C-alpha atoms as a PDB file:
ATOM      1  CA  MET A   1     124.339 103.636 148.134  1.00  0.00           C
ATOM      2  CA  GLU A   2     126.702 104.665 145.974  1.00  0.00           C
ATOM      3  CA  LEU A   3     128.296 102.459 143.672  1.00  0.00           C
ATOM      4  CA  SER A   4     131.685 103.691 143.654  1.00  0.00           C
ATOM      5  CA  LYS A   5     132.534 102.003 146.985  1.00  0.00           C
ATOM      6  CA  LEU A   6     131.117  98.270 146.183  1.00  0.00           C
ATOM      7  CA  ASP A   7     133.831  96.102 144.933  1.00  0.00           C
ATOM      8  CA  PHE A   8     133.529  94.061 141.782  1.00  0.00           C
ATOM      9  CA  THR A   9     132.291  91.079 143.363  1.00  0.00           C
ATOM     10  CA  GLN A  10     129.574  92.957 144.890  1.00  0.00           C
ATOM     11  CA  LEU A  11     128.378  95.258 141.490  1.00  0.00           C
ATOM     12  CA  VAL A  12     127.776  91.643 139.807  1.00  0.00           C
ATOM     13  CA  ALA A  13     125.735  90.499 142.533  1.00  0.00           C
ATOM     14  CA  LEU A  14     124.023  93.906 142.446  1.00  0.00           C
ATOM     15  CA  ARG A  15     123.211  93.642 138.553  1.00  0.00           C
ATOM     16  CA  ALA A  16     122.048  89.744 139.153  1.00  0.00           C
ATOM     17  CA  ASP A  17     119.888  91.294 141.843  1.00  0.00           C
ATOM     18  CA  VAL A  18     118.790  94.364 139.903  1.00  0.00           C
ATOM     19  CA  GLU A  19     117.931  92.030 136.401  1.00  0.00           C
ATOM     20  CA  ALA A  20     116.209  89.197 138.626  1.00  0.00           C
ATOM     21  CA  GLU A  21     114.047  92.200 139.946  1.00  0.00           C
ATOM     22  CA  ILE A  22     113.584  93.297 136.637  1.00  0.00           C
ATOM     23  CA  LYS A  23     112.397  90.050 135.306  1.00  0.00           C
ATOM     24  CA  ARG A  24     109.723  89.584 137.712  1.00  0.00           C
ATOM     25  CA  ARG A  25     108.356  92.750 137.912  1.00  0.00           C
ATOM     26  CA  GLU A  26     108.018  92.558 133.959  1.00  0.00           C
ATOM     27  CA  SER A  27     106.169  89.369 134.503  1.00  0.00           C
ATOM     28  CA  GLU A  28     103.629  91.766 136.961  1.00  0.00           C
ATOM     29  CA  GLU A  29     103.056  94.076 135.537  1.00  0.00           C
ATOM     30  CA  LYS A  30     102.381  92.045 131.799  1.00  0.00           C
ATOM     31  CA  SER A  31      99.894  90.237 134.037  1.00  0.00           C
ATOM     32  CA  LYS A  32      98.353  92.692 134.980  1.00  0.00           C
ATOM     33  CA  ALA A  33      98.191  94.746 131.775  1.00  0.00           C
ATOM     34  CA  LYS A  34      96.382  91.280 130.181  1.00  0.00           C
ATOM     35  CA  LYS A  35      93.867  91.439 133.192  1.00  0.00           C
ATOM     36  CA  GLN A  36      93.087  95.469 132.463  1.00  0.00           C
ATOM     37  CA  ILE A  37      92.752  94.358 128.634  1.00  0.00           C
ATOM     38  CA  ILE A  38      90.435  91.987 129.023  1.00  0.00           C
ATOM     39  CA  GLU A  39      88.370  93.652 132.173  1.00  0.00           C
ATOM     40  CA  LEU A  40      87.733  96.337 129.391  1.00  0.00           C
ATOM     41  CA  ALA A  41      87.206  94.211 126.613  1.00  0.00           C
ATOM     42  CA  ARG A  42      84.552  92.299 129.002  1.00  0.00           C
ATOM     43  CA  ALA A  43      82.524  95.600 129.937  1.00  0.00           C
ATOM     44  CA  TYR A  44      82.263  96.563 126.383  1.00  0.00           C
ATOM     45  CA  GLY A  45      80.785  93.261 125.026  1.00  0.00           C
ATOM     46  CA  LEU A  46      83.571  91.826 123.194  1.00  0.00           C
ATOM     47  CA  SER A  47      86.233  89.488 123.280  1.00  0.00           C
ATOM     48  CA  VAL A  48      89.954  89.520 123.160  1.00  0.00           C
ATOM     49  CA  GLU A  49      90.082  88.296 119.531  1.00  0.00           C
ATOM     50  CA  GLU A  50      87.552  90.414 118.198  1.00  0.00           C
ATOM     51  CA  VAL A  51      89.617  93.109 119.855  1.00  0.00           C
ATOM     52  CA  LEU A  52      92.621  92.063 118.507  1.00  0.00           C
ATOM     53  CA  GLY A  53      90.788  91.278 114.949  1.00  0.00           C
ATOM     54  CA  LYS A  54      91.173  88.008 114.710  1.00  0.00           C
ATOM     55  CA  THR A  55      88.266  86.608 112.834  1.00  0.00           C
ATOM     56  CA  GLY A  56      89.511  82.459 113.987  1.00  0.00           C
ATOM     57  CA  GLY A  57      88.411  81.673 109.740  1.00  0.00           C
ATOM     58  CA  VAL A  58      90.182  78.681 108.167  1.00  0.00           C
ATOM     59  CA  ARG A  59      92.913  79.873 106.155  1.00  0.00           C
ATOM     60  CA  LYS A  60      92.878  78.721 102.389  1.00  0.00           C
ATOM     61  CA  PRO A  61      95.138  76.286 101.549  1.00  0.00           C
ATOM     62  CA  VAL A  62      97.946  77.650  98.825  1.00  0.00           C
ATOM     63  CA  GLU A  63      97.360  76.107  95.490  1.00  0.00           C
ATOM     64  CA  ALA A  64     100.211  74.000  94.138  1.00  0.00           C
ATOM     65  CA  LYS A  65     102.820  75.882  91.487  1.00  0.00           C
ATOM     66  CA  TYR A  66     104.856  72.580  90.844  1.00  0.00           C
ATOM     67  CA  ARG A  67     103.637  68.928  90.336  1.00  0.00           C
ATOM     68  CA  HIS A  68     106.222  65.852  89.200  1.00  0.00           C
ATOM     69  CA  PRO A  69     106.089  64.916  85.418  1.00  0.00           C
ATOM     70  CA  ALA A  70     105.905  61.347  86.538  1.00  0.00           C
ATOM     71  CA  ASN A  71     103.808  61.153  89.916  1.00  0.00           C
ATOM     72  CA  PRO A  72     101.027  63.988  89.904  1.00  0.00           C
ATOM     73  CA  GLU A  73     100.271  63.262  93.057  1.00  0.00           C
ATOM     74  CA  LEU A  74     102.969  64.893  93.982  1.00  0.00           C
ATOM     75  CA  THR A  75     103.062  68.755  94.001  1.00  0.00           C
ATOM     76  CA  TRP A  76     104.404  71.834  95.627  1.00  0.00           C
ATOM     77  CA  THR A  77     103.634  75.139  96.410  1.00  0.00           C
ATOM     78  CA  GLY A  78     106.771  76.728  95.914  1.00  0.00           C
ATOM     79  CA  ARG A  79     106.640  77.871  99.683  1.00  0.00           C
ATOM     80  CA  GLY A  80     109.147  76.649 102.169  1.00  0.00           C
ATOM     81  CA  ARG A  81     112.302  73.602 101.561  1.00  0.00           C
ATOM     82  CA  LYS A  82     111.899  72.287  98.371  1.00  0.00           C
ATOM     83  CA  PRO A  83     111.162  68.679  98.434  1.00  0.00           C
ATOM     84  CA  VAL A  84     113.610  66.027  97.420  1.00  0.00           C
ATOM     85  CA  TRP A  85     112.351  64.935  94.103  1.00  0.00           C
ATOM     86  CA  VAL A  86     112.225  68.744  93.327  1.00  0.00           C
ATOM     87  CA  GLN A  87     115.724  69.235  94.029  1.00  0.00           C
ATOM     88  CA  GLU A  88     117.035  65.870  92.304  1.00  0.00           C
ATOM     89  CA  TRP A  89     115.270  67.956  89.298  1.00  0.00           C
ATOM     90  CA  ILE A  90     117.061  71.004  89.815  1.00  0.00           C
ATOM     91  CA  SER A  91     120.483  69.400  90.149  1.00  0.00           C
ATOM     92  CA  SER A  92     119.997  67.641  87.213  1.00  0.00           C
ATOM     93  CA  GLY A  93     120.129  70.251  85.374  1.00  0.00           C
ATOM     94  CA  LYS A  94     116.546  70.814  84.563  1.00  0.00           C
ATOM     95  CA  ALA A  95     114.578  74.041  84.952  1.00  0.00           C
ATOM     96  CA  LEU A  96     111.898  74.375  87.721  1.00  0.00           C
ATOM     97  CA  GLU A  97     110.184  76.462  85.315  1.00  0.00           C
ATOM     98  CA  ALA A  98     109.308  73.163  83.685  1.00  0.00           C
ATOM     99  CA  LEU A  99     107.490  71.513  86.718  1.00  0.00           C
ATOM    100  CA  ALA A 100     104.895  74.544  86.700  1.00  0.00           C
ATOM    101  CA  ILE A 101     101.770  73.659  86.454  1.00  0.00           C
END
């Protein structure tokens, strides 16, 4: 196929066809690889989780680092978004360290 002989619309259509075929084949190849990995693991008496190092253990919850001064039930680990009460505390000009447990 000589690309220089194709007009613009034909090239665009060809590109779309090529991209669709690549996606289809990628999906097929991943499926084949997944089956091969599972078969190989089974041949050696392993589960996929064992091969990947997944122990299935439960994560230990992160301990709270900050506590609301008036309501000790309100705590924050210091991870993720700041709770509203922490944002209000900081907005009022007080230091976050004052809430540290």
